[in-house]
Amino acid sequence: MTYVSRTYSLKVEHHSEDGGYLASFPALPGCHTWGDTYEAAIKNAEEALLGYLEALEKNSEPLPVEPIPDRDVSLAVTVKLPEPA
């Protein structure tokens, strides 16, 4: 197995009307989650990111590459990938 490290920008927005925080990854369409607190949103975002990347791998889809993260907060994940033939 090869190991690939990817970093994705995380955007966290406070929604005063809902009282929670929305966390999303702009480079990963559909990869977002909520949390009652900022910290919970970050923790949930990590879990959402791992699930998203695992689903891509399971479906043999390529991992998106974000050239230069443009946010102050980023999460780095190491993903096990099969070696190319």
PDB file of N, CA and C in Angstrom:
ATOM      1  N   MET A   1       0.827  -1.185   0.000  1.00  0.00           N
ATOM      2  CA  MET A   1       0.000   0.000   0.000  1.00  0.00           C
ATOM      3  C   MET A   1       0.873   1.250   0.000  1.00  0.00           C
ATOM      4  N   THR A   2       0.435   2.227  -0.725  1.00  0.00           N
ATOM      5  CA  THR A   2       1.096   3.527  -0.674  1.00  0.00           C
ATOM      6  C   THR A   2       0.327   4.408   0.302  1.00  0.00           C
ATOM      7  N   TYR A   3       0.971   5.429   0.791  1.00  0.00           N
ATOM      8  CA  TYR A   3       0.331   6.364   1.698  1.00  0.00           C
ATOM      9  C   TYR A   3       0.380   7.755   1.073  1.00  0.00           C
ATOM     10  N   VAL A   4      -0.769   8.376   0.999  1.00  0.00           N
ATOM     11  CA  VAL A   4      -0.858   9.693   0.394  1.00  0.00           C
ATOM     12  C   VAL A   4      -1.397  10.664   1.432  1.00  0.00           C
ATOM     13  N   SER A   5      -0.773  11.811   1.559  1.00  0.00           N
ATOM     14  CA  SER A   5      -1.239  12.836   2.486  1.00  0.00           C
ATOM     15  C   SER A   5      -1.919  13.947   1.692  1.00  0.00           C
ATOM     16  N   ARG A   6      -3.102  14.310   2.115  1.00  0.00           N
ATOM     17  CA  ARG A   6      -3.847  15.385   1.462  1.00  0.00           C
ATOM     18  C   ARG A   6      -4.267  16.386   2.530  1.00  0.00           C
ATOM     19  N   THR A   7      -4.300  17.666   2.175  1.00  0.00           N
ATOM     20  CA  THR A   7      -4.788  18.718   3.059  1.00  0.00           C
ATOM     21  C   THR A   7      -5.938  19.426   2.367  1.00  0.00           C
ATOM     22  N   TYR A   8      -7.041  19.590   3.091  1.00  0.00           N
ATOM     23  CA  TYR A   8      -8.225  20.244   2.541  1.00  0.00           C
ATOM     24  C   TYR A   8      -8.643  21.401   3.436  1.00  0.00           C
ATOM     25  N   SER A   9      -8.982  22.537   2.808  1.00  0.00           N
ATOM     26  CA  SER A   9      -9.459  23.699   3.552  1.00  0.00           C
ATOM     27  C   SER A   9     -10.799  23.407   4.181  1.00  0.00           C
ATOM     28  N   LEU A  10     -10.959  23.863   5.401  1.00  0.00           N
ATOM     29  CA  LEU A  10     -12.197  23.692   6.142  1.00  0.00           C
ATOM     30  C   LEU A  10     -12.803  25.067   6.403  1.00  0.00           C
ATOM     31  N   LYS A  11     -14.030  25.240   5.999  1.00  0.00           N
ATOM     32  CA  LYS A  11     -14.748  26.497   6.212  1.00  0.00           C
ATOM     33  C   LYS A  11     -15.781  26.261   7.308  1.00  0.00           C
ATOM     34  N   VAL A  12     -15.741  27.078   8.366  1.00  0.00           N
ATOM     35  CA  VAL A  12     -16.687  26.954   9.472  1.00  0.00           C
ATOM     36  C   VAL A  12     -17.450  28.262   9.592  1.00  0.00           C
ATOM     37  N   GLU A  13     -18.776  28.162   9.529  1.00  0.00           N
ATOM     38  CA  GLU A  13     -19.631  29.346   9.608  1.00  0.00           C
ATOM     39  C   GLU A  13     -20.605  29.208  10.773  1.00  0.00           C
ATOM     40  N   HIS A  14     -20.749  30.287  11.546  1.00  0.00           N
ATOM     41  CA  HIS A  14     -21.721  30.305  12.637  1.00  0.00           C
ATOM     42  C   HIS A  14     -23.079  30.729  12.079  1.00  0.00           C
ATOM     43  N   HIS A  15     -24.102  29.987  12.426  1.00  0.00           N
ATOM     44  CA  HIS A  15     -25.471  30.303  12.005  1.00  0.00           C
ATOM     45  C   HIS A  15     -26.258  30.695  13.245  1.00  0.00           C
ATOM     46  N   SER A  16     -26.389  32.002  13.464  1.00  0.00           N
ATOM     47  CA  SER A  16     -27.027  32.498  14.684  1.00  0.00           C
ATOM     48  C   SER A  16     -28.489  32.074  14.799  1.00  0.00           C
ATOM     49  N   GLU A  17     -29.201  31.985  13.673  1.00  0.00           N
ATOM     50  CA  GLU A  17     -30.606  31.586  13.741  1.00  0.00           C
ATOM     51  C   GLU A  17     -30.776  30.124  14.140  1.00  0.00           C
ATOM     52  N   ASP A  18     -29.840  29.272  13.806  1.00  0.00           N
ATOM     53  CA  ASP A  18     -29.904  27.859  14.178  1.00  0.00           C
ATOM     54  C   ASP A  18     -29.106  27.563  15.447  1.00  0.00           C
ATOM     55  N   GLY A  19     -28.226  28.475  15.817  1.00  0.00           N
ATOM     56  CA  GLY A  19     -27.421  28.290  17.008  1.00  0.00           C
ATOM     57  C   GLY A  19     -26.303  27.284  16.851  1.00  0.00           C
ATOM     58  N   GLY A  20     -25.945  26.926  15.637  1.00  0.00           N
ATOM     59  CA  GLY A  20     -24.891  25.945  15.411  1.00  0.00           C
ATOM     60  C   GLY A  20     -23.862  26.442  14.429  1.00  0.00           C
ATOM     61  N   TYR A  21     -22.975  25.546  14.061  1.00  0.00           N
ATOM     62  CA  TYR A  21     -21.886  25.857  13.143  1.00  0.00           C
ATOM     63  C   TYR A  21     -21.906  24.873  11.982  1.00  0.00           C
ATOM     64  N   LEU A  22     -21.800  25.405  10.778  1.00  0.00           N
ATOM     65  CA  LEU A  22     -21.714  24.585   9.570  1.00  0.00           C
ATOM     66  C   LEU A  22     -20.248  24.481   9.181  1.00  0.00           C
ATOM     67  N   ALA A  23     -19.765  23.261   9.013  1.00  0.00           N
ATOM     68  CA  ALA A  23     -18.384  23.021   8.586  1.00  0.00           C
ATOM     69  C   ALA A  23     -18.419  22.347   7.220  1.00  0.00           C
ATOM     70  N   SER A  24     -17.652  22.887   6.279  1.00  0.00           N
ATOM     71  CA  SER A  24     -17.646  22.318   4.929  1.00  0.00           C
ATOM     72  C   SER A  24     -16.252  22.406   4.323  1.00  0.00           C
ATOM     73  N   PHE A  25     -16.035  21.550   3.333  1.00  0.00           N
ATOM     74  CA  PHE A  25     -14.769  21.520   2.591  1.00  0.00           C
ATOM     75  C   PHE A  25     -15.059  22.000   1.173  1.00  0.00           C
ATOM     76  N   PRO A  26     -14.686  23.234   0.822  1.00  0.00           N
ATOM     77  CA  PRO A  26     -14.997  23.773  -0.503  1.00  0.00           C
ATOM     78  C   PRO A  26     -14.506  22.908  -1.667  1.00  0.00           C
ATOM     79  N   ALA A  27     -13.404  22.207  -1.508  1.00  0.00           N
ATOM     80  CA  ALA A  27     -12.854  21.386  -2.598  1.00  0.00           C
ATOM     81  C   ALA A  27     -13.565  20.035  -2.729  1.00  0.00           C
ATOM     82  N   LEU A  28     -14.446  19.714  -1.775  1.00  0.00           N
ATOM     83  CA  LEU A  28     -15.118  18.416  -1.763  1.00  0.00           C
ATOM     84  C   LEU A  28     -16.632  18.626  -1.770  1.00  0.00           C
ATOM     85  N   PRO A  29     -17.240  18.730  -2.938  1.00  0.00           N
ATOM     86  CA  PRO A  29     -18.683  18.990  -3.023  1.00  0.00           C
ATOM     87  C   PRO A  29     -19.494  17.968  -2.223  1.00  0.00           C
ATOM     88  N   GLY A  30     -20.374  18.476  -1.383  1.00  0.00           N
ATOM     89  CA  GLY A  30     -21.234  17.605  -0.593  1.00  0.00           C
ATOM     90  C   GLY A  30     -20.636  17.152   0.722  1.00  0.00           C
ATOM     91  N   CYS A  31     -19.394  17.506   1.008  1.00  0.00           N
ATOM     92  CA  CYS A  31     -18.758  17.097   2.259  1.00  0.00           C
ATOM     93  C   CYS A  31     -18.926  18.229   3.272  1.00  0.00           C
ATOM     94  N   HIS A  32     -19.965  18.109   4.088  1.00  0.00           N
ATOM     95  CA  HIS A  32     -20.237  19.120   5.105  1.00  0.00           C
ATOM     96  C   HIS A  32     -20.957  18.487   6.289  1.00  0.00           C
ATOM     97  N   THR A  33     -20.954  19.208   7.411  1.00  0.00           N
ATOM     98  CA  THR A  33     -21.579  18.708   8.635  1.00  0.00           C
ATOM     99  C   THR A  33     -21.888  19.879   9.548  1.00  0.00           C
ATOM    100  N   TRP A  34     -22.601  19.605  10.626  1.00  0.00           N
ATOM    101  CA  TRP A  34     -22.976  20.610  11.626  1.00  0.00           C
ATOM    102  C   TRP A  34     -22.386  20.257  12.977  1.00  0.00           C
ATOM    103  N   GLY A  35     -22.365  21.242  13.862  1.00  0.00           N
ATOM    104  CA  GLY A  35     -22.028  21.023  15.253  1.00  0.00           C
ATOM    105  C   GLY A  35     -22.681  22.092  16.096  1.00  0.00           C
ATOM    106  N   ASP A  36     -23.066  21.751  17.320  1.00  0.00           N
ATOM    107  CA  ASP A  36     -23.672  22.737  18.228  1.00  0.00           C
ATOM    108  C   ASP A  36     -22.655  23.790  18.651  1.00  0.00           C
ATOM    109  N   THR A  37     -21.378  23.390  18.710  1.00  0.00           N
ATOM    110  CA  THR A  37     -20.295  24.312  19.058  1.00  0.00           C
ATOM    111  C   THR A  37     -19.259  24.285  17.930  1.00  0.00           C
ATOM    112  N   TYR A  38     -18.364  25.264  17.962  1.00  0.00           N
ATOM    113  CA  TYR A  38     -17.290  25.312  16.971  1.00  0.00           C
ATOM    114  C   TYR A  38     -16.457  24.035  17.051  1.00  0.00           C
ATOM    115  N   GLU A  39     -16.131  23.624  18.270  1.00  0.00           N
ATOM    116  CA  GLU A  39     -15.307  22.436  18.474  1.00  0.00           C
ATOM    117  C   GLU A  39     -16.003  21.181  17.963  1.00  0.00           C
ATOM    118  N   ALA A  40     -17.311  21.077  18.207  1.00  0.00           N
ATOM    119  CA  ALA A  40     -18.070  19.917  17.722  1.00  0.00           C
ATOM    120  C   ALA A  40     -18.108  19.902  16.199  1.00  0.00           C
ATOM    121  N   ALA A  41     -18.226  21.069  15.586  1.00  0.00           N
ATOM    122  CA  ALA A  41     -18.235  21.142  14.121  1.00  0.00           C
ATOM    123  C   ALA A  41     -16.905  20.663  13.551  1.00  0.00           C
ATOM    124  N   ILE A  42     -15.805  21.031  14.184  1.00  0.00           N
ATOM    125  CA  ILE A  42     -14.472  20.593  13.738  1.00  0.00           C
ATOM    126  C   ILE A  42     -14.353  19.075  13.864  1.00  0.00           C
ATOM    127  N   LYS A  43     -14.764  18.525  14.999  1.00  0.00           N
ATOM    128  CA  LYS A  43     -14.691  17.078  15.214  1.00  0.00           C
ATOM    129  C   LYS A  43     -15.563  16.341  14.194  1.00  0.00           C
ATOM    130  N   ASN A  44     -16.777  16.824  13.986  1.00  0.00           N
ATOM    131  CA  ASN A  44     -17.676  16.203  13.018  1.00  0.00           C
ATOM    132  C   ASN A  44     -17.136  16.328  11.597  1.00  0.00           C
ATOM    133  N   ALA A  45     -16.448  17.427  11.303  1.00  0.00           N
ATOM    134  CA  ALA A  45     -15.869  17.624   9.977  1.00  0.00           C
ATOM    135  C   ALA A  45     -14.779  16.594   9.706  1.00  0.00           C
ATOM    136  N   GLU A  46     -14.002  16.272  10.716  1.00  0.00           N
ATOM    137  CA  GLU A  46     -12.958  15.258  10.548  1.00  0.00           C
ATOM    138  C   GLU A  46     -13.578  13.913  10.185  1.00  0.00           C
ATOM    139  N   GLU A  47     -14.660  13.550  10.887  1.00  0.00           N
ATOM    140  CA  GLU A  47     -15.348  12.292  10.599  1.00  0.00           C
ATOM    141  C   GLU A  47     -15.979  12.308   9.205  1.00  0.00           C
ATOM    142  N   ALA A  48     -16.573  13.443   8.832  1.00  0.00           N
ATOM    143  CA  ALA A  48     -17.190  13.562   7.505  1.00  0.00           C
ATOM    144  C   ALA A  48     -16.136  13.446   6.408  1.00  0.00           C
ATOM    145  N   LEU A  49     -14.982  14.066   6.637  1.00  0.00           N
ATOM    146  CA  LEU A  49     -13.899  14.016   5.656  1.00  0.00           C
ATOM    147  C   LEU A  49     -13.413  12.582   5.457  1.00  0.00           C
ATOM    148  N   LEU A  50     -13.207  11.868   6.548  1.00  0.00           N
ATOM    149  CA  LEU A  50     -12.742  10.484   6.433  1.00  0.00           C
ATOM    150  C   LEU A  50     -13.762   9.622   5.692  1.00  0.00           C
ATOM    151  N   GLY A  51     -15.035   9.779   6.006  1.00  0.00           N
ATOM    152  CA  GLY A  51     -16.081   9.019   5.325  1.00  0.00           C
ATOM    153  C   GLY A  51     -16.156   9.348   3.848  1.00  0.00           C
ATOM    154  N   TYR A  52     -16.012  10.614   3.521  1.00  0.00           N
ATOM    155  CA  TYR A  52     -16.048  11.068   2.133  1.00  0.00           C
ATOM    156  C   TYR A  52     -14.908  10.443   1.334  1.00  0.00           C
ATOM    157  N   LEU A  53     -13.699  10.502   1.901  1.00  0.00           N
ATOM    158  CA  LEU A  53     -12.534   9.960   1.206  1.00  0.00           C
ATOM    159  C   LEU A  53     -12.595   8.441   1.093  1.00  0.00           C
ATOM    160  N   GLU A  54     -13.111   7.776   2.121  1.00  0.00           N
ATOM    161  CA  GLU A  54     -13.270   6.323   2.066  1.00  0.00           C
ATOM    162  C   GLU A  54     -14.264   5.937   0.965  1.00  0.00           C
ATOM    163  N   ALA A  55     -15.342   6.709   0.818  1.00  0.00           N
ATOM    164  CA  ALA A  55     -16.333   6.430  -0.225  1.00  0.00           C
ATOM    165  C   ALA A  55     -15.718   6.607  -1.615  1.00  0.00           C
ATOM    166  N   LEU A  56     -14.894   7.634  -1.788  1.00  0.00           N
ATOM    167  CA  LEU A  56     -14.220   7.821  -3.078  1.00  0.00           C
ATOM    168  C   LEU A  56     -13.335   6.624  -3.392  1.00  0.00           C
ATOM    169  N   GLU A  57     -12.561   6.195  -2.404  1.00  0.00           N
ATOM    170  CA  GLU A  57     -11.650   5.064  -2.610  1.00  0.00           C
ATOM    171  C   GLU A  57     -12.443   3.797  -2.940  1.00  0.00           C
ATOM    172  N   LYS A  58     -13.518   3.552  -2.187  1.00  0.00           N
ATOM    173  CA  LYS A  58     -14.330   2.351  -2.403  1.00  0.00           C
ATOM    174  C   LYS A  58     -14.925   2.323  -3.811  1.00  0.00           C
ATOM    175  N   ASN A  59     -15.259   3.505  -4.347  1.00  0.00           N
ATOM    176  CA  ASN A  59     -15.833   3.608  -5.689  1.00  0.00           C
ATOM    177  C   ASN A  59     -14.773   3.816  -6.770  1.00  0.00           C
ATOM    178  N   SER A  60     -13.502   3.648  -6.402  1.00  0.00           N
ATOM    179  CA  SER A  60     -12.363   3.810  -7.321  1.00  0.00           C
ATOM    180  C   SER A  60     -12.344   5.181  -7.994  1.00  0.00           C
ATOM    181  N   GLU A  61     -12.775   6.198  -7.254  1.00  0.00           N
ATOM    182  CA  GLU A  61     -12.730   7.568  -7.759  1.00  0.00           C
ATOM    183  C   GLU A  61     -11.458   8.234  -7.245  1.00  0.00           C
ATOM    184  N   PRO A  62     -10.884   9.142  -8.019  1.00  0.00           N
ATOM    185  CA  PRO A  62      -9.642   9.790  -7.586  1.00  0.00           C
ATOM    186  C   PRO A  62      -9.884  10.746  -6.417  1.00  0.00           C
ATOM    187  N   LEU A  63      -8.866  10.882  -5.572  1.00  0.00           N
ATOM    188  CA  LEU A  63      -8.946  11.849  -4.487  1.00  0.00           C
ATOM    189  C   LEU A  63      -8.741  13.249  -5.055  1.00  0.00           C
ATOM    190  N   PRO A  64      -9.623  14.180  -4.741  1.00  0.00           N
ATOM    191  CA  PRO A  64      -9.419  15.553  -5.204  1.00  0.00           C
ATOM    192  C   PRO A  64      -8.145  16.137  -4.609  1.00  0.00           C
ATOM    193  N   VAL A  65      -7.520  16.999  -5.357  1.00  0.00           N
ATOM    194  CA  VAL A  65      -6.317  17.686  -4.892  1.00  0.00           C
ATOM    195  C   VAL A  65      -6.645  19.170  -4.828  1.00  0.00           C
ATOM    196  N   GLU A  66      -6.429  19.753  -3.668  1.00  0.00           N
ATOM    197  CA  GLU A  66      -6.606  21.192  -3.499  1.00  0.00           C
ATOM    198  C   GLU A  66      -5.208  21.797  -3.550  1.00  0.00           C
ATOM    199  N   PRO A  67      -4.880  22.519  -4.618  1.00  0.00           N
ATOM    200  CA  PRO A  67      -3.507  22.987  -4.801  1.00  0.00           C
ATOM    201  C   PRO A  67      -2.955  23.791  -3.628  1.00  0.00           C
ATOM    202  N   ILE A  68      -3.650  24.838  -3.229  1.00  0.00           N
ATOM    203  CA  ILE A  68      -3.185  25.673  -2.132  1.00  0.00           C
ATOM    204  C   ILE A  68      -4.378  25.943  -1.223  1.00  0.00           C
ATOM    205  N   PRO A  69      -4.408  25.334  -0.049  1.00  0.00           N
ATOM    206  CA  PRO A  69      -5.521  25.618   0.854  1.00  0.00           C
ATOM    207  C   PRO A  69      -5.615  27.107   1.138  1.00  0.00           C
ATOM    208  N   ASP A  70      -6.833  27.648   1.033  1.00  0.00           N
ATOM    209  CA  ASP A  70      -7.008  29.093   1.182  1.00  0.00           C
ATOM    210  C   ASP A  70      -7.728  29.476   2.467  1.00  0.00           C
ATOM    211  N   ARG A  71      -7.773  28.590   3.426  1.00  0.00           N
ATOM    212  CA  ARG A  71      -8.443  28.870   4.692  1.00  0.00           C
ATOM    213  C   ARG A  71      -7.438  28.819   5.837  1.00  0.00           C
ATOM    214  N   ASP A  72      -7.819  29.438   6.959  1.00  0.00           N
ATOM    215  CA  ASP A  72      -6.954  29.425   8.133  1.00  0.00           C
ATOM    216  C   ASP A  72      -6.914  28.070   8.820  1.00  0.00           C
ATOM    217  N   VAL A  73      -7.993  27.297   8.676  1.00  0.00           N
ATOM    218  CA  VAL A  73      -8.080  25.999   9.345  1.00  0.00           C
ATOM    219  C   VAL A  73      -8.079  24.909   8.291  1.00  0.00           C
ATOM    220  N   SER A  74      -7.194  23.925   8.420  1.00  0.00           N
ATOM    221  CA  SER A  74      -7.127  22.798   7.494  1.00  0.00           C
ATOM    222  C   SER A  74      -6.999  21.512   8.289  1.00  0.00           C
ATOM    223  N   LEU A  75      -7.442  20.420   7.704  1.00  0.00           N
ATOM    224  CA  LEU A  75      -7.258  19.102   8.279  1.00  0.00           C
ATOM    225  C   LEU A  75      -6.416  18.280   7.324  1.00  0.00           C
ATOM    226  N   ALA A  76      -5.435  17.562   7.844  1.00  0.00           N
ATOM    227  CA  ALA A  76      -4.610  16.694   7.016  1.00  0.00           C
ATOM    228  C   ALA A  76      -4.968  15.249   7.327  1.00  0.00           C
ATOM    229  N   VAL A  77      -5.081  14.450   6.296  1.00  0.00           N
ATOM    230  CA  VAL A  77      -5.447  13.054   6.460  1.00  0.00           C
ATOM    231  C   VAL A  77      -4.513  12.208   5.616  1.00  0.00           C
ATOM    232  N   THR A  78      -4.048  11.097   6.182  1.00  0.00           N
ATOM    233  CA  THR A  78      -3.258  10.138   5.416  1.00  0.00           C
ATOM    234  C   THR A  78      -4.168   8.987   5.031  1.00  0.00           C
ATOM    235  N   VAL A  79      -4.229   8.706   3.740  1.00  0.00           N
ATOM    236  CA  VAL A  79      -5.132   7.704   3.206  1.00  0.00           C
ATOM    237  C   VAL A  79      -4.331   6.582   2.595  1.00  0.00           C
ATOM    238  N   LYS A  80      -4.696   5.323   2.894  1.00  0.00           N
ATOM    239  CA  LYS A  80      -4.041   4.163   2.289  1.00  0.00           C
ATOM    240  C   LYS A  80      -4.669   3.921   0.921  1.00  0.00           C
ATOM    241  N   LEU A  81      -3.829   3.861  -0.093  1.00  0.00           N
ATOM    242  CA  LEU A  81      -4.297   3.625  -1.455  1.00  0.00           C
ATOM    243  C   LEU A  81      -3.558   2.446  -2.055  1.00  0.00           C
ATOM    244  N   PRO A  82      -4.223   1.655  -2.898  1.00  0.00           N
ATOM    245  CA  PRO A  82      -3.522   0.568  -3.580  1.00  0.00           C
ATOM    246  C   PRO A  82      -2.451   1.136  -4.496  1.00  0.00           C
ATOM    247  N   GLU A  83      -1.340   0.409  -4.595  1.00  0.00           N
ATOM    248  CA  GLU A  83      -0.268   0.851  -5.480  1.00  0.00           C
ATOM    249  C   GLU A  83      -0.712   0.717  -6.918  1.00  0.00           C
ATOM    250  N   PRO A  84      -0.368   1.694  -7.761  1.00  0.00           N
ATOM    251  CA  PRO A  84      -0.722   1.596  -9.184  1.00  0.00           C
ATOM    252  C   PRO A  84      -0.068   0.383  -9.825  1.00  0.00           C
ATOM    253  N   ALA A  85      -0.767  -0.210 -10.760  1.00  0.00           N
ATOM    254  CA  ALA A  85      -0.247  -1.407 -11.457  1.00  0.00           C
ATOM    255  C   ALA A  85       0.821  -1.051 -12.449  1.00  0.00           C
TER     256      ALA A  85
END
